[in-house]
N, C-alpha and C. Protein backbone atom coordinates (compact mmCIF):
# COMPACT_ATOMS: atom_id res chain seq x y z
N MET A 1 -2.65 15.66 19.32
CA MET A 1 -2.86 14.23 19.03
C MET A 1 -1.52 13.49 19.05
N ARG A 2 -1.47 12.38 19.74
CA ARG A 2 -0.23 11.62 19.85
C ARG A 2 0.15 11.00 18.51
N ARG A 3 1.42 11.16 18.12
CA ARG A 3 1.92 10.55 16.90
C ARG A 3 2.73 9.32 17.28
N HIS A 4 2.28 8.18 16.83
CA HIS A 4 2.95 6.93 17.17
C HIS A 4 4.22 6.77 16.35
N ARG A 5 5.17 6.05 16.92
CA ARG A 5 6.39 5.72 16.19
C ARG A 5 6.04 4.84 14.99
N SER A 6 6.71 5.10 13.88
CA SER A 6 6.41 4.34 12.67
C SER A 6 6.69 2.85 12.86
N TRP A 7 5.82 2.04 12.29
CA TRP A 7 6.02 0.60 12.33
C TRP A 7 7.28 0.19 11.58
N SER A 8 7.84 -0.92 12.00
CA SER A 8 8.94 -1.52 11.25
C SER A 8 8.38 -2.28 10.05
N ALA A 9 9.27 -2.66 9.14
CA ALA A 9 8.85 -3.44 7.98
C ALA A 9 8.23 -4.77 8.41
N HIS A 10 8.77 -5.39 9.47
CA HIS A 10 8.22 -6.66 9.95
C HIS A 10 6.80 -6.48 10.48
N THR A 11 6.55 -5.38 11.19
CA THR A 11 5.21 -5.14 11.71
C THR A 11 4.22 -4.97 10.56
N ALA A 12 4.62 -4.23 9.55
CA ALA A 12 3.76 -4.05 8.38
C ALA A 12 3.51 -5.38 7.67
N THR A 13 4.53 -6.22 7.60
CA THR A 13 4.37 -7.54 6.97
C THR A 13 3.37 -8.39 7.73
N VAL A 14 3.42 -8.34 9.05
CA VAL A 14 2.46 -9.09 9.87
C VAL A 14 1.04 -8.56 9.61
N ALA A 15 0.89 -7.25 9.50
CA ALA A 15 -0.42 -6.66 9.22
C ALA A 15 -0.96 -7.14 7.89
N ARG A 16 -0.11 -7.17 6.87
CA ARG A 16 -0.56 -7.64 5.55
C ARG A 16 -0.92 -9.12 5.59
N LEU A 17 -0.16 -9.91 6.36
CA LEU A 17 -0.47 -11.33 6.50
C LEU A 17 -1.83 -11.53 7.16
N LEU A 18 -2.09 -10.79 8.22
CA LEU A 18 -3.39 -10.89 8.90
C LEU A 18 -4.52 -10.52 7.96
N TYR A 19 -4.33 -9.47 7.21
CA TYR A 19 -5.35 -9.04 6.23
C TYR A 19 -5.63 -10.16 5.21
N ASP A 20 -4.55 -10.74 4.70
CA ASP A 20 -4.69 -11.79 3.69
C ASP A 20 -5.27 -13.08 4.26
N SER A 21 -5.25 -13.22 5.59
CA SER A 21 -5.77 -14.41 6.26
C SER A 21 -7.10 -14.11 6.94
N SER A 22 -7.82 -13.13 6.46
CA SER A 22 -8.99 -12.63 7.19
C SER A 22 -10.16 -13.61 7.23
N THR A 23 -10.14 -14.65 6.40
CA THR A 23 -11.26 -15.60 6.39
C THR A 23 -11.08 -16.72 7.40
N ALA A 24 -9.90 -16.81 7.99
CA ALA A 24 -9.65 -17.87 8.98
C ALA A 24 -8.67 -17.35 10.01
N PRO A 25 -8.85 -17.72 11.29
CA PRO A 25 -7.93 -17.24 12.32
C PRO A 25 -6.52 -17.77 12.10
N ILE A 26 -5.55 -16.98 12.49
CA ILE A 26 -4.16 -17.38 12.32
C ILE A 26 -3.48 -17.35 13.70
N ARG A 27 -2.66 -18.36 13.94
CA ARG A 27 -1.99 -18.48 15.24
C ARG A 27 -0.65 -17.75 15.22
N GLN A 28 -0.19 -17.43 16.41
CA GLN A 28 1.08 -16.74 16.56
C GLN A 28 2.22 -17.54 15.95
N THR A 29 2.20 -18.86 16.13
CA THR A 29 3.26 -19.70 15.58
C THR A 29 3.29 -19.63 14.05
N GLU A 30 2.10 -19.58 13.45
CA GLU A 30 2.03 -19.48 11.98
C GLU A 30 2.59 -18.16 11.51
N VAL A 31 2.26 -17.09 12.23
CA VAL A 31 2.77 -15.77 11.85
C VAL A 31 4.29 -15.76 11.91
N ALA A 32 4.85 -16.28 12.99
CA ALA A 32 6.31 -16.30 13.16
C ALA A 32 6.98 -17.09 12.04
N ALA A 33 6.42 -18.25 11.71
CA ALA A 33 7.01 -19.08 10.68
C ALA A 33 6.91 -18.44 9.31
N THR A 34 5.81 -17.78 9.03
CA THR A 34 5.59 -17.18 7.72
C THR A 34 6.46 -15.93 7.52
N VAL A 35 6.51 -15.09 8.54
CA VAL A 35 7.24 -13.83 8.43
C VAL A 35 8.73 -14.02 8.65
N GLY A 36 9.10 -15.07 9.42
CA GLY A 36 10.51 -15.35 9.67
C GLY A 36 11.09 -14.55 10.82
N ILE A 37 10.27 -14.31 11.86
CA ILE A 37 10.75 -13.63 13.05
C ILE A 37 10.39 -14.49 14.27
N THR A 38 10.93 -14.13 15.42
CA THR A 38 10.72 -14.95 16.61
C THR A 38 9.29 -14.80 17.15
N GLN A 39 8.86 -15.81 17.90
CA GLN A 39 7.53 -15.72 18.51
C GLN A 39 7.42 -14.57 19.51
N PRO A 40 8.45 -14.29 20.32
CA PRO A 40 8.34 -13.11 21.19
C PRO A 40 8.13 -11.82 20.41
N ALA A 41 8.79 -11.69 19.26
CA ALA A 41 8.61 -10.50 18.43
C ALA A 41 7.19 -10.43 17.89
N VAL A 42 6.68 -11.58 17.47
CA VAL A 42 5.30 -11.62 16.97
C VAL A 42 4.33 -11.27 18.08
N SER A 43 4.58 -11.80 19.28
CA SER A 43 3.71 -11.53 20.41
C SER A 43 3.63 -10.03 20.69
N GLN A 44 4.78 -9.36 20.60
CA GLN A 44 4.81 -7.92 20.84
C GLN A 44 4.02 -7.17 19.77
N ILE A 45 4.19 -7.59 18.52
CA ILE A 45 3.47 -6.94 17.41
C ILE A 45 1.96 -7.15 17.55
N LEU A 46 1.56 -8.38 17.85
CA LEU A 46 0.13 -8.67 17.98
C LEU A 46 -0.49 -7.93 19.16
N ARG A 47 0.32 -7.73 20.20
CA ARG A 47 -0.18 -6.96 21.35
C ARG A 47 -0.46 -5.51 20.92
N GLN A 48 0.42 -4.95 20.10
CA GLN A 48 0.20 -3.60 19.57
C GLN A 48 -1.11 -3.54 18.79
N PHE A 49 -1.31 -4.54 17.93
CA PHE A 49 -2.52 -4.57 17.11
C PHE A 49 -3.77 -4.64 17.98
N GLU A 50 -3.71 -5.52 18.98
CA GLU A 50 -4.88 -5.72 19.84
C GLU A 50 -5.19 -4.44 20.62
N GLN A 51 -4.16 -3.78 21.12
CA GLN A 51 -4.37 -2.54 21.86
C GLN A 51 -4.97 -1.45 20.98
N ALA A 52 -4.67 -1.49 19.70
CA ALA A 52 -5.20 -0.49 18.76
C ALA A 52 -6.57 -0.89 18.20
N GLY A 53 -7.07 -2.05 18.61
CA GLY A 53 -8.36 -2.52 18.10
C GLY A 53 -8.30 -3.06 16.69
N ALA A 54 -7.08 -3.41 16.23
CA ALA A 54 -6.90 -3.87 14.85
C ALA A 54 -7.07 -5.37 14.68
N THR A 55 -7.10 -6.12 15.79
CA THR A 55 -7.33 -7.56 15.73
C THR A 55 -8.26 -7.97 16.86
N ARG A 56 -8.79 -9.16 16.73
CA ARG A 56 -9.60 -9.74 17.81
C ARG A 56 -9.25 -11.21 17.93
N ARG A 57 -9.34 -11.71 19.16
CA ARG A 57 -9.04 -13.12 19.41
C ARG A 57 -10.32 -13.93 19.31
N ILE A 58 -10.19 -15.07 18.66
CA ILE A 58 -11.27 -16.05 18.64
C ILE A 58 -10.62 -17.42 18.82
N PRO A 59 -11.39 -18.45 19.10
CA PRO A 59 -10.79 -19.78 19.20
C PRO A 59 -10.02 -20.12 17.91
N GLY A 60 -8.79 -20.50 18.08
CA GLY A 60 -7.98 -20.85 16.91
C GLY A 60 -7.00 -19.77 16.49
N GLY A 61 -7.08 -18.59 17.10
CA GLY A 61 -6.11 -17.56 16.73
C GLY A 61 -6.69 -16.16 16.71
N ARG A 62 -6.19 -15.35 15.80
CA ARG A 62 -6.61 -13.97 15.69
C ARG A 62 -7.14 -13.66 14.30
N LEU A 63 -8.07 -12.70 14.26
CA LEU A 63 -8.60 -12.18 13.00
C LEU A 63 -8.41 -10.67 12.99
N PRO A 64 -8.19 -10.09 11.80
CA PRO A 64 -8.09 -8.63 11.72
C PRO A 64 -9.48 -8.00 11.80
N THR A 65 -9.54 -6.78 12.29
CA THR A 65 -10.78 -6.01 12.29
C THR A 65 -10.68 -4.92 11.22
N ARG A 66 -11.78 -4.24 11.01
CA ARG A 66 -11.81 -3.15 10.03
C ARG A 66 -10.81 -2.04 10.41
N GLN A 67 -10.53 -1.95 11.69
CA GLN A 67 -9.62 -0.90 12.18
C GLN A 67 -8.19 -1.12 11.70
N LEU A 68 -7.85 -2.32 11.28
CA LEU A 68 -6.48 -2.61 10.85
C LEU A 68 -6.03 -1.65 9.75
N ALA A 69 -6.91 -1.37 8.80
CA ALA A 69 -6.53 -0.50 7.68
C ALA A 69 -6.19 0.91 8.16
N ALA A 70 -7.02 1.45 9.03
CA ALA A 70 -6.79 2.81 9.52
C ALA A 70 -5.50 2.88 10.34
N VAL A 71 -5.26 1.86 11.17
CA VAL A 71 -4.04 1.84 11.97
C VAL A 71 -2.82 1.69 11.07
N TYR A 72 -2.92 0.87 10.05
CA TYR A 72 -1.83 0.68 9.10
C TYR A 72 -1.48 2.01 8.42
N ALA A 73 -2.51 2.71 7.96
CA ALA A 73 -2.28 3.98 7.27
C ALA A 73 -1.65 5.02 8.19
N GLU A 74 -2.02 4.97 9.46
CA GLU A 74 -1.52 5.96 10.41
C GLU A 74 -0.10 5.66 10.87
N ARG A 75 0.20 4.38 11.08
CA ARG A 75 1.44 4.03 11.77
C ARG A 75 2.54 3.46 10.88
N TYR A 76 2.20 3.06 9.67
CA TYR A 76 3.25 2.53 8.79
C TYR A 76 3.69 3.65 7.85
N ARG A 77 4.86 4.17 8.12
CA ARG A 77 5.42 5.25 7.31
C ARG A 77 6.78 4.79 6.78
N PRO A 78 6.76 3.95 5.74
CA PRO A 78 8.02 3.38 5.27
C PRO A 78 8.94 4.45 4.70
N PRO A 79 10.24 4.32 4.95
CA PRO A 79 11.17 5.29 4.38
C PRO A 79 11.18 5.21 2.86
N HIS A 80 11.06 6.34 2.22
CA HIS A 80 11.07 6.39 0.77
C HIS A 80 11.39 7.82 0.33
N THR A 81 11.70 7.96 -0.93
CA THR A 81 11.88 9.30 -1.49
C THR A 81 10.80 9.52 -2.53
N ASN A 82 10.29 10.75 -2.59
CA ASN A 82 9.23 11.10 -3.54
C ASN A 82 9.81 11.87 -4.73
N HIS A 83 9.35 11.50 -5.91
CA HIS A 83 9.80 12.16 -7.13
C HIS A 83 8.56 12.47 -7.96
N TYR A 84 8.39 13.73 -8.31
CA TYR A 84 7.17 14.19 -8.97
C TYR A 84 7.46 14.53 -10.44
N TRP A 85 6.58 14.04 -11.32
CA TRP A 85 6.75 14.24 -12.75
C TRP A 85 5.43 14.65 -13.40
N TYR A 86 5.56 15.32 -14.54
CA TYR A 86 4.38 15.79 -15.27
C TYR A 86 4.51 15.44 -16.74
N ASN A 87 3.37 15.09 -17.34
CA ASN A 87 3.33 14.77 -18.77
C ASN A 87 1.96 15.17 -19.30
N LEU A 88 1.92 15.71 -20.51
CA LEU A 88 0.66 16.19 -21.09
C LEU A 88 -0.19 15.07 -21.68
N ASP A 89 0.41 13.90 -21.91
CA ASP A 89 -0.33 12.80 -22.52
C ASP A 89 -1.42 12.29 -21.58
N PRO A 90 -2.46 11.65 -22.13
CA PRO A 90 -3.47 11.02 -21.26
C PRO A 90 -2.80 10.04 -20.30
N LEU A 91 -3.40 9.84 -19.13
CA LEU A 91 -2.78 8.95 -18.15
C LEU A 91 -2.62 7.53 -18.67
N THR A 92 -3.56 7.09 -19.52
CA THR A 92 -3.42 5.73 -20.07
C THR A 92 -2.13 5.60 -20.87
N ALA A 93 -1.79 6.66 -21.62
CA ALA A 93 -0.54 6.63 -22.39
C ALA A 93 0.67 6.67 -21.47
N GLN A 94 0.56 7.41 -20.36
CA GLN A 94 1.65 7.47 -19.40
C GLN A 94 1.86 6.11 -18.74
N VAL A 95 0.78 5.42 -18.44
CA VAL A 95 0.88 4.07 -17.88
C VAL A 95 1.61 3.15 -18.86
N ASP A 96 1.23 3.22 -20.13
CA ASP A 96 1.87 2.37 -21.14
C ASP A 96 3.37 2.63 -21.22
N LEU A 97 3.75 3.91 -21.16
CA LEU A 97 5.17 4.25 -21.21
C LEU A 97 5.93 3.67 -20.02
N LEU A 98 5.35 3.83 -18.83
CA LEU A 98 6.02 3.35 -17.61
C LEU A 98 6.16 1.84 -17.62
N VAL A 99 5.11 1.14 -18.04
CA VAL A 99 5.14 -0.33 -18.05
C VAL A 99 6.11 -0.84 -19.10
N LYS A 100 6.15 -0.17 -20.25
CA LYS A 100 7.03 -0.61 -21.33
C LYS A 100 8.50 -0.43 -20.97
N HIS A 101 8.83 0.72 -20.38
CA HIS A 101 10.24 1.04 -20.14
C HIS A 101 10.72 0.70 -18.73
N HIS A 102 9.79 0.56 -17.78
CA HIS A 102 10.15 0.23 -16.40
C HIS A 102 9.17 -0.80 -15.86
N PRO A 103 9.17 -2.01 -16.41
CA PRO A 103 8.15 -3.02 -16.06
C PRO A 103 8.08 -3.42 -14.60
N PRO A 104 9.13 -3.25 -13.77
CA PRO A 104 8.97 -3.67 -12.36
C PRO A 104 8.10 -2.73 -11.52
N VAL A 105 7.66 -1.58 -12.07
CA VAL A 105 6.92 -0.64 -11.23
C VAL A 105 5.64 -1.27 -10.70
N VAL A 106 5.27 -0.86 -9.50
CA VAL A 106 4.05 -1.35 -8.84
C VAL A 106 3.13 -0.15 -8.63
N PHE A 107 1.90 -0.25 -9.12
CA PHE A 107 0.96 0.87 -9.06
C PHE A 107 0.18 0.84 -7.75
N THR A 108 -0.05 2.02 -7.23
CA THR A 108 -0.85 2.18 -6.02
C THR A 108 -1.78 3.38 -6.24
N GLY A 109 -2.44 3.86 -5.20
CA GLY A 109 -3.25 5.07 -5.33
C GLY A 109 -4.42 4.95 -6.28
N ASP A 110 -4.68 6.02 -7.04
CA ASP A 110 -5.88 6.13 -7.88
C ASP A 110 -6.05 4.95 -8.83
N LEU A 111 -5.01 4.66 -9.60
CA LEU A 111 -5.13 3.61 -10.62
C LEU A 111 -5.35 2.25 -9.98
N ALA A 112 -4.60 1.95 -8.94
CA ALA A 112 -4.77 0.66 -8.27
C ALA A 112 -6.18 0.53 -7.72
N ALA A 113 -6.70 1.61 -7.13
CA ALA A 113 -8.06 1.57 -6.57
C ALA A 113 -9.08 1.26 -7.66
N ASP A 114 -8.89 1.86 -8.83
CA ASP A 114 -9.83 1.63 -9.93
C ASP A 114 -9.73 0.21 -10.46
N LEU A 115 -8.54 -0.37 -10.42
CA LEU A 115 -8.37 -1.75 -10.89
C LEU A 115 -8.95 -2.75 -9.89
N ILE A 116 -8.82 -2.46 -8.60
CA ILE A 116 -9.29 -3.38 -7.56
C ILE A 116 -10.80 -3.35 -7.44
N ALA A 117 -11.37 -2.15 -7.41
CA ALA A 117 -12.82 -1.97 -7.27
C ALA A 117 -13.19 -0.75 -8.09
N ALA A 118 -13.72 -1.00 -9.29
CA ALA A 118 -13.97 0.07 -10.25
C ALA A 118 -14.47 1.33 -9.58
N TRP A 119 -13.80 2.45 -9.86
CA TRP A 119 -14.03 3.67 -9.13
C TRP A 119 -14.27 4.82 -10.09
N ARG A 120 -13.20 5.46 -10.53
CA ARG A 120 -13.30 6.56 -11.48
C ARG A 120 -11.99 6.67 -12.23
N THR A 121 -11.98 7.51 -13.27
CA THR A 121 -10.76 7.70 -14.02
C THR A 121 -9.70 8.33 -13.13
N PRO A 122 -8.54 7.71 -13.02
CA PRO A 122 -7.48 8.27 -12.16
C PRO A 122 -7.06 9.67 -12.63
N THR A 123 -6.65 10.49 -11.68
CA THR A 123 -6.16 11.83 -12.02
C THR A 123 -4.67 11.97 -11.77
N ILE A 124 -4.08 10.99 -11.09
CA ILE A 124 -2.64 11.00 -10.83
C ILE A 124 -2.19 9.56 -10.66
N LEU A 125 -0.98 9.27 -11.11
CA LEU A 125 -0.42 7.92 -10.98
C LEU A 125 0.56 7.90 -9.82
N SER A 126 0.39 6.95 -8.93
CA SER A 126 1.35 6.73 -7.84
C SER A 126 1.97 5.36 -8.04
N ILE A 127 3.29 5.31 -8.02
CA ILE A 127 3.96 4.03 -8.23
C ILE A 127 5.08 3.84 -7.21
N TYR A 128 5.35 2.57 -6.89
CA TYR A 128 6.48 2.19 -6.06
C TYR A 128 7.56 1.63 -6.97
N THR A 129 8.79 2.01 -6.69
CA THR A 129 9.94 1.43 -7.37
C THR A 129 11.00 1.12 -6.32
N ARG A 130 11.96 0.30 -6.67
CA ARG A 130 13.03 -0.03 -5.73
C ARG A 130 14.00 1.14 -5.56
N GLU A 131 14.13 1.95 -6.60
CA GLU A 131 15.04 3.09 -6.56
C GLU A 131 14.49 4.16 -7.49
N PRO A 132 14.93 5.40 -7.35
CA PRO A 132 14.42 6.44 -8.25
C PRO A 132 14.69 6.09 -9.71
N ILE A 133 13.75 6.40 -10.56
CA ILE A 133 13.94 6.18 -12.00
C ILE A 133 13.78 7.52 -12.71
N ASP A 134 14.62 7.73 -13.73
CA ASP A 134 14.59 8.97 -14.49
C ASP A 134 13.71 8.76 -15.71
N ILE A 135 12.57 9.43 -15.74
CA ILE A 135 11.64 9.24 -16.87
C ILE A 135 11.59 10.47 -17.77
N GLU A 136 12.58 11.36 -17.62
CA GLU A 136 12.61 12.56 -18.45
C GLU A 136 12.75 12.20 -19.93
N ARG A 137 13.52 11.15 -20.20
CA ARG A 137 13.72 10.75 -21.59
C ARG A 137 12.44 10.21 -22.24
N LEU A 138 11.43 9.92 -21.41
CA LEU A 138 10.15 9.43 -21.92
C LEU A 138 9.16 10.57 -22.18
N GLY A 139 9.61 11.80 -21.98
CA GLY A 139 8.76 12.94 -22.23
C GLY A 139 8.17 13.57 -20.98
N PHE A 140 8.60 13.11 -19.79
CA PHE A 140 8.13 13.69 -18.54
C PHE A 140 9.06 14.83 -18.13
N VAL A 141 8.49 15.80 -17.40
CA VAL A 141 9.29 16.89 -16.87
C VAL A 141 9.10 16.92 -15.35
N PRO A 142 10.12 17.31 -14.60
CA PRO A 142 9.97 17.37 -13.14
C PRO A 142 8.85 18.34 -12.74
N ALA A 143 8.10 17.97 -11.70
CA ALA A 143 7.03 18.81 -11.16
C ALA A 143 7.40 19.24 -9.75
N ALA A 144 6.79 20.36 -9.31
CA ALA A 144 7.14 20.92 -8.01
C ALA A 144 6.62 20.08 -6.85
N GLY A 145 5.52 19.37 -7.05
CA GLY A 145 4.94 18.60 -5.96
C GLY A 145 3.70 17.85 -6.43
N GLN A 146 2.98 17.27 -5.47
CA GLN A 146 1.82 16.43 -5.79
C GLN A 146 0.79 17.12 -6.66
N TYR A 147 0.50 18.37 -6.38
CA TYR A 147 -0.59 19.04 -7.07
C TYR A 147 -0.23 19.50 -8.47
N ASP A 148 1.04 19.41 -8.81
CA ASP A 148 1.48 19.76 -10.17
C ASP A 148 1.84 18.52 -10.98
N ALA A 149 1.78 17.35 -10.36
CA ALA A 149 2.30 16.13 -10.99
C ALA A 149 1.19 15.29 -11.61
N THR A 150 1.58 14.50 -12.60
CA THR A 150 0.71 13.43 -13.08
C THR A 150 1.23 12.07 -12.64
N VAL A 151 2.50 12.02 -12.23
CA VAL A 151 3.11 10.78 -11.74
C VAL A 151 3.89 11.07 -10.46
N ILE A 152 3.65 10.27 -9.43
CA ILE A 152 4.47 10.31 -8.21
C ILE A 152 5.22 8.98 -8.14
N ILE A 153 6.53 9.06 -8.12
CA ILE A 153 7.36 7.86 -7.96
C ILE A 153 7.82 7.82 -6.51
N ARG A 154 7.44 6.78 -5.80
CA ARG A 154 7.87 6.60 -4.42
C ARG A 154 8.92 5.47 -4.42
N ALA A 155 10.16 5.87 -4.31
CA ALA A 155 11.25 4.89 -4.29
C ALA A 155 11.34 4.33 -2.88
N ALA A 156 10.93 3.08 -2.72
CA ALA A 156 10.72 2.50 -1.39
C ALA A 156 11.88 1.62 -0.96
N ILE A 157 12.31 1.82 0.27
CA ILE A 157 13.37 0.99 0.83
C ILE A 157 12.82 -0.37 1.25
N ASP A 158 11.56 -0.40 1.70
CA ASP A 158 10.91 -1.66 2.09
C ASP A 158 10.56 -2.44 0.83
N GLY A 159 11.32 -3.49 0.55
CA GLY A 159 11.11 -4.25 -0.67
C GLY A 159 9.74 -4.88 -0.77
N ALA A 160 9.06 -5.08 0.38
CA ALA A 160 7.74 -5.70 0.36
C ALA A 160 6.73 -4.84 -0.39
N LEU A 161 6.98 -3.55 -0.50
CA LEU A 161 6.07 -2.68 -1.24
C LEU A 161 6.17 -2.90 -2.74
N VAL A 162 7.31 -3.41 -3.16
CA VAL A 162 7.59 -3.52 -4.59
C VAL A 162 7.55 -4.97 -5.08
N ASP A 163 8.01 -5.88 -4.27
CA ASP A 163 8.19 -7.25 -4.70
C ASP A 163 7.28 -8.17 -3.88
N PRO A 164 6.40 -8.94 -4.50
CA PRO A 164 6.33 -9.06 -5.95
C PRO A 164 5.30 -8.15 -6.60
N GLY A 165 4.47 -7.45 -5.81
CA GLY A 165 3.32 -6.82 -6.45
C GLY A 165 2.36 -7.94 -6.84
N ARG A 166 1.19 -7.63 -7.25
CA ARG A 166 0.27 -8.68 -7.69
C ARG A 166 -0.30 -8.27 -9.03
N PRO A 167 -0.36 -9.19 -9.97
CA PRO A 167 -0.86 -8.83 -11.29
C PRO A 167 -2.36 -8.59 -11.30
N VAL A 168 -2.76 -7.46 -11.83
CA VAL A 168 -4.18 -7.17 -12.11
C VAL A 168 -4.21 -6.77 -13.57
N GLY A 169 -4.66 -7.69 -14.42
CA GLY A 169 -4.53 -7.48 -15.85
C GLY A 169 -3.05 -7.48 -16.21
N ALA A 170 -2.62 -6.44 -16.91
CA ALA A 170 -1.23 -6.36 -17.35
C ALA A 170 -0.35 -5.57 -16.38
N LEU A 171 -0.93 -5.12 -15.26
CA LEU A 171 -0.20 -4.25 -14.34
C LEU A 171 0.07 -4.93 -13.01
N ASN A 172 1.13 -4.49 -12.34
CA ASN A 172 1.41 -4.93 -10.98
C ASN A 172 0.85 -3.90 -10.00
N VAL A 173 0.09 -4.38 -9.03
CA VAL A 173 -0.61 -3.49 -8.10
C VAL A 173 -0.17 -3.79 -6.68
N ALA A 174 -0.10 -2.76 -5.86
CA ALA A 174 0.32 -2.90 -4.47
C ALA A 174 -0.74 -3.63 -3.64
N HIS A 175 -0.36 -4.03 -2.45
CA HIS A 175 -1.28 -4.67 -1.52
C HIS A 175 -2.42 -3.71 -1.17
N ASP A 176 -3.60 -4.27 -0.89
CA ASP A 176 -4.76 -3.44 -0.55
C ASP A 176 -4.45 -2.42 0.54
N LEU A 177 -3.73 -2.83 1.58
CA LEU A 177 -3.44 -1.92 2.69
C LEU A 177 -2.56 -0.77 2.25
N ASP A 178 -1.66 -1.01 1.30
CA ASP A 178 -0.80 0.07 0.81
C ASP A 178 -1.54 0.97 -0.16
N VAL A 179 -2.48 0.40 -0.91
CA VAL A 179 -3.34 1.25 -1.75
C VAL A 179 -4.19 2.14 -0.86
N TYR A 180 -4.76 1.57 0.19
CA TYR A 180 -5.54 2.34 1.15
C TYR A 180 -4.69 3.47 1.74
N ARG A 181 -3.49 3.14 2.17
CA ARG A 181 -2.60 4.13 2.79
C ARG A 181 -2.28 5.26 1.81
N GLU A 182 -2.04 4.91 0.56
CA GLU A 182 -1.72 5.93 -0.45
C GLU A 182 -2.91 6.84 -0.73
N LEU A 183 -4.10 6.27 -0.82
CA LEU A 183 -5.29 7.08 -1.06
C LEU A 183 -5.52 8.06 0.08
N VAL A 184 -5.33 7.59 1.30
CA VAL A 184 -5.50 8.47 2.47
C VAL A 184 -4.45 9.59 2.42
N ALA A 185 -3.23 9.26 2.04
CA ALA A 185 -2.16 10.26 1.98
C ALA A 185 -2.43 11.30 0.89
N LEU A 186 -2.97 10.86 -0.25
CA LEU A 186 -3.26 11.80 -1.34
C LEU A 186 -4.40 12.74 -0.96
N GLY A 187 -5.36 12.22 -0.20
CA GLY A 187 -6.43 13.05 0.33
C GLY A 187 -7.58 13.27 -0.63
N GLY A 188 -8.69 13.77 -0.07
CA GLY A 188 -9.90 14.02 -0.85
C GLY A 188 -11.00 13.04 -0.47
N GLU A 189 -12.22 13.54 -0.34
CA GLU A 189 -13.33 12.69 0.12
C GLU A 189 -13.55 11.50 -0.80
N ASP A 190 -13.44 11.72 -2.12
CA ASP A 190 -13.68 10.62 -3.04
C ASP A 190 -12.64 9.52 -2.89
N ARG A 191 -11.39 9.91 -2.60
CA ARG A 191 -10.36 8.90 -2.39
C ARG A 191 -10.59 8.12 -1.10
N ILE A 192 -11.04 8.81 -0.07
CA ILE A 192 -11.34 8.11 1.18
C ILE A 192 -12.46 7.11 0.97
N GLU A 193 -13.47 7.49 0.20
CA GLU A 193 -14.57 6.56 -0.10
C GLU A 193 -14.05 5.36 -0.88
N ALA A 194 -13.17 5.60 -1.85
CA ALA A 194 -12.60 4.49 -2.63
C ALA A 194 -11.76 3.59 -1.75
N ALA A 195 -10.99 4.19 -0.85
CA ALA A 195 -10.16 3.41 0.08
C ALA A 195 -11.04 2.52 0.94
N ASP A 196 -12.14 3.07 1.45
CA ASP A 196 -13.05 2.29 2.29
C ASP A 196 -13.68 1.14 1.51
N ARG A 197 -14.01 1.37 0.24
CA ARG A 197 -14.62 0.30 -0.56
C ARG A 197 -13.66 -0.87 -0.75
N ILE A 198 -12.39 -0.55 -0.93
CA ILE A 198 -11.40 -1.62 -1.08
C ILE A 198 -11.35 -2.50 0.17
N ILE A 199 -11.26 -1.86 1.33
CA ILE A 199 -11.14 -2.61 2.58
C ILE A 199 -12.43 -3.32 2.91
N ASP A 200 -13.56 -2.70 2.61
CA ASP A 200 -14.86 -3.30 2.94
C ASP A 200 -15.08 -4.62 2.20
N ARG A 201 -14.34 -4.86 1.11
CA ARG A 201 -14.46 -6.13 0.39
C ARG A 201 -13.93 -7.28 1.23
N VAL A 202 -13.05 -6.95 2.19
CA VAL A 202 -12.32 -7.99 2.92
C VAL A 202 -12.60 -7.97 4.41
N LEU A 203 -12.60 -6.78 5.00
CA LEU A 203 -12.74 -6.65 6.46
C LEU A 203 -14.07 -6.02 6.83
N GLN A 204 -14.61 -6.45 7.94
CA GLN A 204 -15.87 -5.89 8.45
C GLN A 204 -15.63 -5.26 9.82
């Protein structure tokens, strides 16, 4: 199976903009002005989307298709470092600790999915931060990997993953497309179903 080159941060930003504009067509000029890149660059990005079946043209501009989420998850691989931690406390208590001591964190994965479209009790916390954070002093211990962890910290170089986040209750949650991408990466049929429910609220 062909592995596509990872999207740039600008390409991912255009994808998120299209998703957020799914109720009305958006023109190339609007995309360029909003994202802050040239129209030729936007044209190239939109051509990629169209070839992948992620957008469709209608009078007045372009609309995203349901395929946008799958293409985003496959092709957007932002540079980041993963840090795995474990704590015996209930996940709700772990959330409280992280929010109290590191309020800029942005939640994705299980917890974000449950906040966006009620799903199930999360079994692992995935968060984006601007840089690695040391939470050992909060009672966490390093874990060997995803399957041993209760918290995954993804220190993301792409600031769009972290800033601003969007408030859902008292927490900051990642964009729907990044929650979808994280659920797909974590794996499991139930997570895929939850990811699809999130996208189905917006895209058809």
